[in-house]
Amino acid sequence: MNVRNGSGASSVAELARMSAWTVTGSRGRWITAERALTLGGRRWVVGLTPTAADATALMLWCDDDMVAHRRGAEAALCGIALRWVANLLAGRPWDTR
């Protein structure tokens, strides 16, 4: 998936080029990437952060509750994050494939 053809992103750098995503960083490295949505009176946040051993963590919050967590390769998790957002925006359960 890549941002050029509108199908998504395979890195946090590509997410950063999407206006709906907020990416923070320090010393040339990203620290967090987040997309917040307010749907049906609930606040959803999809977030990514780097972890040890070059892994990435993906989290989903609904209001104050973490409802999902994954760890893995940045490229794969960026794709999952975008799928979760697309599902929520379409009114589907977040984890629908």
PDB file of N, CA and C in Angstrom:
ATOM      1  N   MET A   1       0.843  -1.170   0.000  1.00  0.00           N
ATOM      2  CA  MET A   1       0.000   0.000   0.000  1.00  0.00           C
ATOM      3  C   MET A   1       0.887   1.231   0.000  1.00  0.00           C
ATOM      4  N   ASN A   2       0.493   2.235  -0.714  1.00  0.00           N
ATOM      5  CA  ASN A   2       1.259   3.469  -0.636  1.00  0.00           C
ATOM      6  C   ASN A   2       0.350   4.676  -0.807  1.00  0.00           C
ATOM      7  N   VAL A   3       0.841   5.796  -0.305  1.00  0.00           N
ATOM      8  CA  VAL A   3       0.034   7.011  -0.278  1.00  0.00           C
ATOM      9  C   VAL A   3      -0.147   7.600  -1.679  1.00  0.00           C
ATOM     10  N   ARG A   4       0.780   7.328  -2.572  1.00  0.00           N
ATOM     11  CA  ARG A   4       0.706   7.929  -3.905  1.00  0.00           C
ATOM     12  C   ARG A   4      -0.545   7.514  -4.670  1.00  0.00           C
ATOM     13  N   ASN A   5      -0.962   6.273  -4.522  1.00  0.00           N
ATOM     14  CA  ASN A   5      -2.141   5.857  -5.269  1.00  0.00           C
ATOM     15  C   ASN A   5      -3.411   5.887  -4.423  1.00  0.00           C
ATOM     16  N   GLY A   6      -3.314   6.472  -3.218  1.00  0.00           N
ATOM     17  CA  GLY A   6      -4.486   6.647  -2.378  1.00  0.00           C
ATOM     18  C   GLY A   6      -4.919   5.400  -1.634  1.00  0.00           C
ATOM     19  N   SER A   7      -4.143   4.324  -1.737  1.00  0.00           N
ATOM     20  CA  SER A   7      -4.570   3.072  -1.121  1.00  0.00           C
ATOM     21  C   SER A   7      -4.123   2.932   0.316  1.00  0.00           C
ATOM     22  N   GLY A   8      -3.282   3.815   0.821  1.00  0.00           N
ATOM     23  CA  GLY A   8      -2.870   3.698   2.205  1.00  0.00           C
ATOM     24  C   GLY A   8      -1.452   4.153   2.421  1.00  0.00           C
ATOM     25  N   ALA A   9      -0.815   3.540   3.402  1.00  0.00           N
ATOM     26  CA  ALA A   9       0.554   3.896   3.746  1.00  0.00           C
ATOM     27  C   ALA A   9       1.258   2.656   4.268  1.00  0.00           C
ATOM     28  N   SER A  10       2.526   2.554   3.980  1.00  0.00           N
ATOM     29  CA  SER A  10       3.316   1.438   4.486  1.00  0.00           C
ATOM     30  C   SER A  10       4.398   1.915   5.444  1.00  0.00           C
ATOM     31  N   SER A  11       4.307   3.178   5.868  1.00  0.00           N
ATOM     32  CA  SER A  11       5.251   3.697   6.853  1.00  0.00           C
ATOM     33  C   SER A  11       4.622   4.883   7.569  1.00  0.00           C
ATOM     34  N   VAL A  12       5.159   5.184   8.735  1.00  0.00           N
ATOM     35  CA  VAL A  12       4.686   6.356   9.469  1.00  0.00           C
ATOM     36  C   VAL A  12       5.032   7.625   8.692  1.00  0.00           C
ATOM     37  N   ALA A  13       6.131   7.622   7.968  1.00  0.00           N
ATOM     38  CA  ALA A  13       6.470   8.793   7.138  1.00  0.00           C
ATOM     39  C   ALA A  13       5.351   9.075   6.132  1.00  0.00           C
ATOM     40  N   GLU A  14       4.758   8.032   5.576  1.00  0.00           N
ATOM     41  CA  GLU A  14       3.640   8.231   4.647  1.00  0.00           C
ATOM     42  C   GLU A  14       2.384   8.682   5.380  1.00  0.00           C
ATOM     43  N   LEU A  15       2.142   8.156   6.587  1.00  0.00           N
ATOM     44  CA  LEU A  15       1.006   8.636   7.381  1.00  0.00           C
ATOM     45  C   LEU A  15       1.156  10.131   7.670  1.00  0.00           C
ATOM     46  N   ALA A  16       2.375  10.562   7.917  1.00  0.00           N
ATOM     47  CA  ALA A  16       2.636  11.974   8.239  1.00  0.00           C
ATOM     48  C   ALA A  16       2.225  12.894   7.101  1.00  0.00           C
ATOM     49  N   ARG A  17       2.208  12.378   5.889  1.00  0.00           N
ATOM     50  CA  ARG A  17       1.797  13.196   4.738  1.00  0.00           C
ATOM     51  C   ARG A  17       0.281  13.263   4.578  1.00  0.00           C
ATOM     52  N   MET A  18      -0.449  12.519   5.398  1.00  0.00           N
ATOM     53  CA  MET A  18      -1.912  12.546   5.380  1.00  0.00           C
ATOM     54  C   MET A  18      -2.380  13.537   6.438  1.00  0.00           C
ATOM     55  N   SER A  19      -3.168  14.509   6.037  1.00  0.00           N
ATOM     56  CA  SER A  19      -3.530  15.601   6.946  1.00  0.00           C
ATOM     57  C   SER A  19      -4.274  15.147   8.196  1.00  0.00           C
ATOM     58  N   ALA A  20      -4.967  14.036   8.152  1.00  0.00           N
ATOM     59  CA  ALA A  20      -5.744  13.588   9.307  1.00  0.00           C
ATOM     60  C   ALA A  20      -4.873  12.970  10.405  1.00  0.00           C
ATOM     61  N   TRP A  21      -3.648  12.622  10.066  1.00  0.00           N
ATOM     62  CA  TRP A  21      -2.753  11.987  11.030  1.00  0.00           C
ATOM     63  C   TRP A  21      -1.836  13.031  11.658  1.00  0.00           C
ATOM     64  N   THR A  22      -1.577  12.879  12.962  1.00  0.00           N
ATOM     65  CA  THR A  22      -0.630  13.728  13.689  1.00  0.00           C
ATOM     66  C   THR A  22       0.564  12.860  14.058  1.00  0.00           C
ATOM     67  N   VAL A  23       1.734  13.252  13.589  1.00  0.00           N
ATOM     68  CA  VAL A  23       2.960  12.501  13.877  1.00  0.00           C
ATOM     69  C   VAL A  23       3.906  13.412  14.638  1.00  0.00           C
ATOM     70  N   THR A  24       4.377  12.939  15.798  1.00  0.00           N
ATOM     71  CA  THR A  24       5.348  13.690  16.578  1.00  0.00           C
ATOM     72  C   THR A  24       6.695  12.990  16.487  1.00  0.00           C
ATOM     73  N   GLY A  25       7.753  13.760  16.705  1.00  0.00           N
ATOM     74  CA  GLY A  25       9.075  13.178  16.627  1.00  0.00           C
ATOM     75  C   GLY A  25      10.099  13.978  17.387  1.00  0.00           C
ATOM     76  N   SER A  26      11.282  13.402  17.471  1.00  0.00           N
ATOM     77  CA  SER A  26      12.403  14.041  18.132  1.00  0.00           C
ATOM     78  C   SER A  26      13.687  13.480  17.544  1.00  0.00           C
ATOM     79  N   ARG A  27      14.630  14.365  17.308  1.00  0.00           N
ATOM     80  CA  ARG A  27      15.945  13.950  16.801  1.00  0.00           C
ATOM     81  C   ARG A  27      15.859  13.149  15.518  1.00  0.00           C
ATOM     82  N   GLY A  28      14.933  13.530  14.658  1.00  0.00           N
ATOM     83  CA  GLY A  28      14.807  12.888  13.361  1.00  0.00           C
ATOM     84  C   GLY A  28      14.083  11.556  13.359  1.00  0.00           C
ATOM     85  N   ARG A  29      13.497  11.186  14.479  1.00  0.00           N
ATOM     86  CA  ARG A  29      12.771   9.910  14.571  1.00  0.00           C
ATOM     87  C   ARG A  29      11.346  10.169  15.017  1.00  0.00           C
ATOM     88  N   TRP A  30      10.417   9.370  14.546  1.00  0.00           N
ATOM     89  CA  TRP A  30       9.036   9.541  14.976  1.00  0.00           C
ATOM     90  C   TRP A  30       8.851   8.896  16.345  1.00  0.00           C
ATOM     91  N   ILE A  31       7.943   9.489  17.130  1.00  0.00           N
ATOM     92  CA  ILE A  31       7.650   8.982  18.474  1.00  0.00           C
ATOM     93  C   ILE A  31       6.216   8.469  18.550  1.00  0.00           C
ATOM     94  N   THR A  32       5.287   9.226  17.985  1.00  0.00           N
ATOM     95  CA  THR A  32       3.891   8.794  17.958  1.00  0.00           C
ATOM     96  C   THR A  32       3.256   9.187  16.633  1.00  0.00           C
ATOM     97  N   ALA A  33       2.282   8.399  16.231  1.00  0.00           N
ATOM     98  CA  ALA A  33       1.424   8.728  15.086  1.00  0.00           C
ATOM     99  C   ALA A  33       0.005   8.447  15.553  1.00  0.00           C
ATOM    100  N   GLU A  34      -0.878   9.436  15.402  1.00  0.00           N
ATOM    101  CA  GLU A  34      -2.245   9.273  15.888  1.00  0.00           C
ATOM    102  C   GLU A  34      -3.266   9.807  14.908  1.00  0.00           C
ATOM    103  N   ARG A  35      -4.404   9.145  14.918  1.00  0.00           N
ATOM    104  CA  ARG A  35      -5.574   9.608  14.173  1.00  0.00           C
ATOM    105  C   ARG A  35      -6.741   9.548  15.138  1.00  0.00           C
ATOM    106  N   ALA A  36      -7.366  10.681  15.395  1.00  0.00           N
ATOM    107  CA  ALA A  36      -8.511  10.753  16.304  1.00  0.00           C
ATOM    108  C   ALA A  36      -9.786  10.920  15.492  1.00  0.00           C
ATOM    109  N   LEU A  37     -10.842  10.239  15.949  1.00  0.00           N
ATOM    110  CA  LEU A  37     -12.151  10.301  15.301  1.00  0.00           C
ATOM    111  C   LEU A  37     -13.213  10.462  16.380  1.00  0.00           C
ATOM    112  N   THR A  38     -14.197  11.288  16.125  1.00  0.00           N
ATOM    113  CA  THR A  38     -15.356  11.358  16.998  1.00  0.00           C
ATOM    114  C   THR A  38     -16.545  10.868  16.197  1.00  0.00           C
ATOM    115  N   LEU A  39     -17.095   9.744  16.649  1.00  0.00           N
ATOM    116  CA  LEU A  39     -18.179   9.085  15.917  1.00  0.00           C
ATOM    117  C   LEU A  39     -19.248   8.636  16.903  1.00  0.00           C
ATOM    118  N   GLY A  40     -20.467   9.033  16.670  1.00  0.00           N
ATOM    119  CA  GLY A  40     -21.561   8.612  17.530  1.00  0.00           C
ATOM    120  C   GLY A  40     -21.370   8.999  18.977  1.00  0.00           C
ATOM    121  N   GLY A  41     -20.748  10.140  19.209  1.00  0.00           N
ATOM    122  CA  GLY A  41     -20.526  10.604  20.571  1.00  0.00           C
ATOM    123  C   GLY A  41     -19.371   9.935  21.289  1.00  0.00           C
ATOM    124  N   ARG A  42     -18.614   9.111  20.584  1.00  0.00           N
ATOM    125  CA  ARG A  42     -17.455   8.441  21.188  1.00  0.00           C
ATOM    126  C   ARG A  42     -16.180   8.937  20.520  1.00  0.00           C
ATOM    127  N   ARG A  43     -15.108   8.985  21.289  1.00  0.00           N
ATOM    128  CA  ARG A  43     -13.816   9.413  20.753  1.00  0.00           C
ATOM    129  C   ARG A  43     -12.940   8.180  20.566  1.00  0.00           C
ATOM    130  N   TRP A  44     -12.551   7.943  19.330  1.00  0.00           N
ATOM    131  CA  TRP A  44     -11.660   6.844  18.977  1.00  0.00           C
ATOM    132  C   TRP A  44     -10.287   7.420  18.644  1.00  0.00           C
ATOM    133  N   VAL A  45      -9.234   6.756  19.091  1.00  0.00           N
ATOM    134  CA  VAL A  45      -7.870   7.150  18.738  1.00  0.00           C
ATOM    135  C   VAL A  45      -7.119   5.906  18.302  1.00  0.00           C
ATOM    136  N   VAL A  46      -6.569   5.967  17.099  1.00  0.00           N
ATOM    137  CA  VAL A  46      -5.686   4.925  16.579  1.00  0.00           C
ATOM    138  C   VAL A  46      -4.273   5.480  16.709  1.00  0.00           C
ATOM    139  N   GLY A  47      -3.391   4.756  17.385  1.00  0.00           N
ATOM    140  CA  GLY A  47      -2.050   5.268  17.620  1.00  0.00           C
ATOM    141  C   GLY A  47      -0.973   4.237  17.380  1.00  0.00           C
ATOM    142  N   LEU A  48       0.167   4.717  16.911  1.00  0.00           N
ATOM    143  CA  LEU A  48       1.350   3.882  16.700  1.00  0.00           C
ATOM    144  C   LEU A  48       2.516   4.499  17.456  1.00  0.00           C
ATOM    145  N   THR A  49       3.405   3.646  17.950  1.00  0.00           N
ATOM    146  CA  THR A  49       4.632   4.116  18.592  1.00  0.00           C
ATOM    147  C   THR A  49       5.717   3.057  18.401  1.00  0.00           C
ATOM    148  N   PRO A  50       6.969   3.475  18.261  1.00  0.00           N
ATOM    149  CA  PRO A  50       8.043   2.481  18.128  1.00  0.00           C
ATOM    150  C   PRO A  50       8.301   1.804  19.474  1.00  0.00           C
ATOM    151  N   THR A  51       8.753   0.562  19.422  1.00  0.00           N
ATOM    152  CA  THR A  51       9.109  -0.188  20.631  1.00  0.00           C
ATOM    153  C   THR A  51      10.520  -0.737  20.463  1.00  0.00           C
ATOM    154  N   ALA A  52      10.921  -1.556  21.386  1.00  0.00           N
ATOM    155  CA  ALA A  52      12.258  -2.146  21.336  1.00  0.00           C
ATOM    156  C   ALA A  52      12.397  -3.084  20.134  1.00  0.00           C
ATOM    157  N   ALA A  53      13.608  -3.311  19.745  1.00  0.00           N
ATOM    158  CA  ALA A  53      13.954  -4.269  18.686  1.00  0.00           C
ATOM    159  C   ALA A  53      13.289  -3.941  17.350  1.00  0.00           C
ATOM    160  N   ASP A  54      13.190  -2.654  17.039  1.00  0.00           N
ATOM    161  CA  ASP A  54      12.647  -2.198  15.764  1.00  0.00           C
ATOM    162  C   ASP A  54      11.206  -2.618  15.510  1.00  0.00           C
ATOM    163  N   ALA A  55      10.478  -2.960  16.539  1.00  0.00           N
ATOM    164  CA  ALA A  55       9.061  -3.283  16.392  1.00  0.00           C
ATOM    165  C   ALA A  55       8.244  -2.005  16.565  1.00  0.00           C
ATOM    166  N   THR A  56       6.989  -2.094  16.191  1.00  0.00           N
ATOM    167  CA  THR A  56       6.047  -0.990  16.336  1.00  0.00           C
ATOM    168  C   THR A  56       4.839  -1.501  17.100  1.00  0.00           C
ATOM    169  N   ALA A  57       4.262  -0.637  17.931  1.00  0.00           N
ATOM    170  CA  ALA A  57       3.034  -0.976  18.640  1.00  0.00           C
ATOM    171  C   ALA A  57       1.892  -0.170  18.038  1.00  0.00           C
ATOM    172  N   LEU A  58       0.755  -0.823  17.869  1.00  0.00           N
ATOM    173  CA  LEU A  58      -0.469  -0.206  17.375  1.00  0.00           C
ATOM    174  C   LEU A  58      -1.520  -0.358  18.457  1.00  0.00           C
ATOM    175  N   MET A  59      -2.190   0.740  18.796  1.00  0.00           N
ATOM    176  CA  MET A  59      -3.211   0.711  19.830  1.00  0.00           C
ATOM    177  C   MET A  59      -4.474   1.401  19.340  1.00  0.00           C
ATOM    178  N   LEU A  60      -5.600   0.951  19.856  1.00  0.00           N
ATOM    179  CA  LEU A  60      -6.882   1.580  19.567  1.00  0.00           C
ATOM    180  C   LEU A  60      -7.585   1.850  20.878  1.00  0.00           C
ATOM    181  N   TRP A  61      -7.954   3.127  21.079  1.00  0.00           N
ATOM    182  CA  TRP A  61      -8.713   3.520  22.256  1.00  0.00           C
ATOM    183  C   TRP A  61     -10.104   3.949  21.834  1.00  0.00           C
ATOM    184  N   CYS A  62     -11.071   3.642  22.681  1.00  0.00           N
ATOM    185  CA  CYS A  62     -12.422   4.178  22.555  1.00  0.00           C
ATOM    186  C   CYS A  62     -12.696   4.877  23.872  1.00  0.00           C
ATOM    187  N   ASP A  63     -12.842   6.195  23.792  1.00  0.00           N
ATOM    188  CA  ASP A  63     -12.933   7.022  24.990  1.00  0.00           C
ATOM    189  C   ASP A  63     -11.682   6.767  25.829  1.00  0.00           C
ATOM    190  N   ASP A  64     -11.805   6.294  27.061  1.00  0.00           N
ATOM    191  CA  ASP A  64     -10.627   6.077  27.912  1.00  0.00           C
ATOM    192  C   ASP A  64     -10.174   4.621  27.970  1.00  0.00           C
ATOM    193  N   ASP A  65     -10.772   3.762  27.153  1.00  0.00           N
ATOM    194  CA  ASP A  65     -10.452   2.342  27.196  1.00  0.00           C
ATOM    195  C   ASP A  65      -9.641   1.899  25.988  1.00  0.00           C
ATOM    196  N   MET A  66      -8.545   1.178  26.254  1.00  0.00           N
ATOM    197  CA  MET A  66      -7.814   0.572  25.150  1.00  0.00           C
ATOM    198  C   MET A  66      -8.566  -0.691  24.749  1.00  0.00           C
ATOM    199  N   VAL A  67      -8.945  -0.760  23.466  1.00  0.00           N
ATOM    200  CA  VAL A  67      -9.738  -1.901  23.011  1.00  0.00           C
ATOM    201  C   VAL A  67      -8.942  -2.869  22.133  1.00  0.00           C
ATOM    202  N   ALA A  68      -7.762  -2.451  21.682  1.00  0.00           N
ATOM    203  CA  ALA A  68      -6.938  -3.353  20.870  1.00  0.00           C
ATOM    204  C   ALA A  68      -5.489  -2.930  20.946  1.00  0.00           C
ATOM    205  N   HIS A  69      -4.611  -3.906  20.804  1.00  0.00           N
ATOM    206  CA  HIS A  69      -3.162  -3.665  20.813  1.00  0.00           C
ATOM    207  C   HIS A  69      -2.502  -4.724  19.941  1.00  0.00           C
ATOM    208  N   ARG A  70      -1.605  -4.290  19.076  1.00  0.00           N
ATOM    209  CA  ARG A  70      -0.834  -5.203  18.234  1.00  0.00           C
ATOM    210  C   ARG A  70       0.628  -4.754  18.252  1.00  0.00           C
ATOM    211  N   ARG A  71       1.533  -5.691  18.024  1.00  0.00           N
ATOM    212  CA  ARG A  71       2.953  -5.393  17.839  1.00  0.00           C
ATOM    213  C   ARG A  71       3.425  -6.080  16.586  1.00  0.00           C
ATOM    214  N   GLY A  72       4.322  -5.394  15.866  1.00  0.00           N
ATOM    215  CA  GLY A  72       4.864  -6.012  14.679  1.00  0.00           C
ATOM    216  C   GLY A  72       5.627  -5.026  13.836  1.00  0.00           C
ATOM    217  N   ALA A  73       5.720  -5.338  12.561  1.00  0.00           N
ATOM    218  CA  ALA A  73       6.455  -4.500  11.618  1.00  0.00           C
ATOM    219  C   ALA A  73       5.663  -3.234  11.310  1.00  0.00           C
ATOM    220  N   GLU A  74       6.375  -2.137  11.196  1.00  0.00           N
ATOM    221  CA  GLU A  74       5.750  -0.839  10.929  1.00  0.00           C
ATOM    222  C   GLU A  74       4.846  -0.875   9.704  1.00  0.00           C
ATOM    223  N   ALA A  75       5.307  -1.430   8.622  1.00  0.00           N
ATOM    224  CA  ALA A  75       4.520  -1.436   7.384  1.00  0.00           C
ATOM    225  C   ALA A  75       3.188  -2.161   7.568  1.00  0.00           C
ATOM    226  N   ALA A  76       3.224  -3.325   8.187  1.00  0.00           N
ATOM    227  CA  ALA A  76       1.993  -4.090   8.392  1.00  0.00           C
ATOM    228  C   ALA A  76       1.034  -3.349   9.314  1.00  0.00           C
ATOM    229  N   LEU A  77       1.558  -2.760  10.376  1.00  0.00           N
ATOM    230  CA  LEU A  77       0.694  -2.076  11.335  1.00  0.00           C
ATOM    231  C   LEU A  77       0.121  -0.778  10.778  1.00  0.00           C
ATOM    232  N   CYS A  78       0.836  -0.109   9.898  1.00  0.00           N
ATOM    233  CA  CYS A  78       0.268   1.074   9.239  1.00  0.00           C
ATOM    234  C   CYS A  78      -0.951   0.667   8.416  1.00  0.00           C
ATOM    235  N   GLY A  79      -0.851  -0.441   7.724  1.00  0.00           N
ATOM    236  CA  GLY A  79      -1.985  -0.936   6.952  1.00  0.00           C
ATOM    237  C   GLY A  79      -3.169  -1.298   7.831  1.00  0.00           C
ATOM    238  N   ILE A  80      -2.906  -1.948   8.963  1.00  0.00           N
ATOM    239  CA  ILE A  80      -3.983  -2.297   9.892  1.00  0.00           C
ATOM    240  C   ILE A  80      -4.609  -1.032  10.467  1.00  0.00           C
ATOM    241  N   ALA A  81      -3.784  -0.059  10.823  1.00  0.00           N
ATOM    242  CA  ALA A  81      -4.303   1.199  11.374  1.00  0.00           C
ATOM    243  C   ALA A  81      -5.247   1.868  10.388  1.00  0.00           C
ATOM    244  N   LEU A  82      -4.867   1.905   9.134  1.00  0.00           N
ATOM    245  CA  LEU A  82      -5.729   2.525   8.123  1.00  0.00           C
ATOM    246  C   LEU A  82      -7.014   1.730   7.920  1.00  0.00           C
ATOM    247  N   ARG A  83      -6.938   0.414   8.026  1.00  0.00           N
ATOM    248  CA  ARG A  83      -8.141  -0.413   7.908  1.00  0.00           C
ATOM    249  C   ARG A  83      -9.084  -0.145   9.077  1.00  0.00           C
ATOM    250  N   TRP A  84      -8.536  -0.034  10.295  1.00  0.00           N
ATOM    251  CA  TRP A  84      -9.374   0.271  11.459  1.00  0.00           C
ATOM    252  C   TRP A  84     -10.091   1.602  11.267  1.00  0.00           C
ATOM    253  N   VAL A  85      -9.356   2.616  10.810  1.00  0.00           N
ATOM    254  CA  VAL A  85      -9.955   3.940  10.577  1.00  0.00           C
ATOM    255  C   VAL A  85     -11.052   3.840   9.519  1.00  0.00           C
ATOM    256  N   ALA A  86     -10.766   3.168   8.408  1.00  0.00           N
ATOM    257  CA  ALA A  86     -11.750   3.041   7.326  1.00  0.00           C
ATOM    258  C   ALA A  86     -13.008   2.336   7.822  1.00  0.00           C
ATOM    259  N   ASN A  87     -12.843   1.279   8.611  1.00  0.00           N
ATOM    260  CA  ASN A  87     -13.992   0.563   9.147  1.00  0.00           C
ATOM    261  C   ASN A  87     -14.824   1.456  10.058  1.00  0.00           C
ATOM    262  N   LEU A  88     -14.184   2.177  10.941  1.00  0.00           N
ATOM    263  CA  LEU A  88     -14.917   3.068  11.845  1.00  0.00           C
ATOM    264  C   LEU A  88     -15.663   4.142  11.072  1.00  0.00           C
ATOM    265  N   LEU A  89     -14.993   4.740  10.093  1.00  0.00           N
ATOM    266  CA  LEU A  89     -15.640   5.791   9.301  1.00  0.00           C
ATOM    267  C   LEU A  89     -16.825   5.259   8.503  1.00  0.00           C
ATOM    268  N   ALA A  90     -16.775   3.986   8.118  1.00  0.00           N
ATOM    269  CA  ALA A  90     -17.849   3.375   7.340  1.00  0.00           C
ATOM    270  C   ALA A  90     -18.962   2.815   8.233  1.00  0.00           C
ATOM    271  N   GLY A  91     -18.803   2.938   9.555  1.00  0.00           N
ATOM    272  CA  GLY A  91     -19.821   2.430  10.466  1.00  0.00           C
ATOM    273  C   GLY A  91     -19.741   0.936  10.706  1.00  0.00           C
ATOM    274  N   ARG A  92     -18.623   0.336  10.324  1.00  0.00           N
ATOM    275  CA  ARG A  92     -18.421  -1.103  10.538  1.00  0.00           C
ATOM    276  C   ARG A  92     -17.651  -1.330  11.848  1.00  0.00           C
ATOM    277  N   PRO A  93     -17.686  -2.537  12.390  1.00  0.00           N
ATOM    278  CA  PRO A  93     -16.813  -2.835  13.534  1.00  0.00           C
ATOM    279  C   PRO A  93     -15.361  -2.595  13.128  1.00  0.00           C
ATOM    280  N   TRP A  94     -14.574  -2.060  14.037  1.00  0.00           N
ATOM    281  CA  TRP A  94     -13.192  -1.681  13.724  1.00  0.00           C
ATOM    282  C   TRP A  94     -12.362  -2.839  13.233  1.00  0.00           C
ATOM    283  N   ASP A  95     -12.638  -4.064  13.693  1.00  0.00           N
ATOM    284  CA  ASP A  95     -11.786  -5.208  13.364  1.00  0.00           C
ATOM    285  C   ASP A  95     -12.264  -6.027  12.178  1.00  0.00           C
ATOM    286  N   THR A  96     -13.245  -5.514  11.428  1.00  0.00           N
ATOM    287  CA  THR A  96     -13.699  -6.203  10.228  1.00  0.00           C
ATOM    288  C   THR A  96     -12.614  -6.156   9.168  1.00  0.00           C
ATOM    289  N   ARG A  97     -12.438  -7.229   8.441  1.00  0.00           N
ATOM    290  CA  ARG A  97     -11.410  -7.248   7.393  1.00  0.00           C
ATOM    291  C   ARG A  97     -11.938  -6.714   6.113  1.00  0.00           C
TER     292      ARG A  97
END
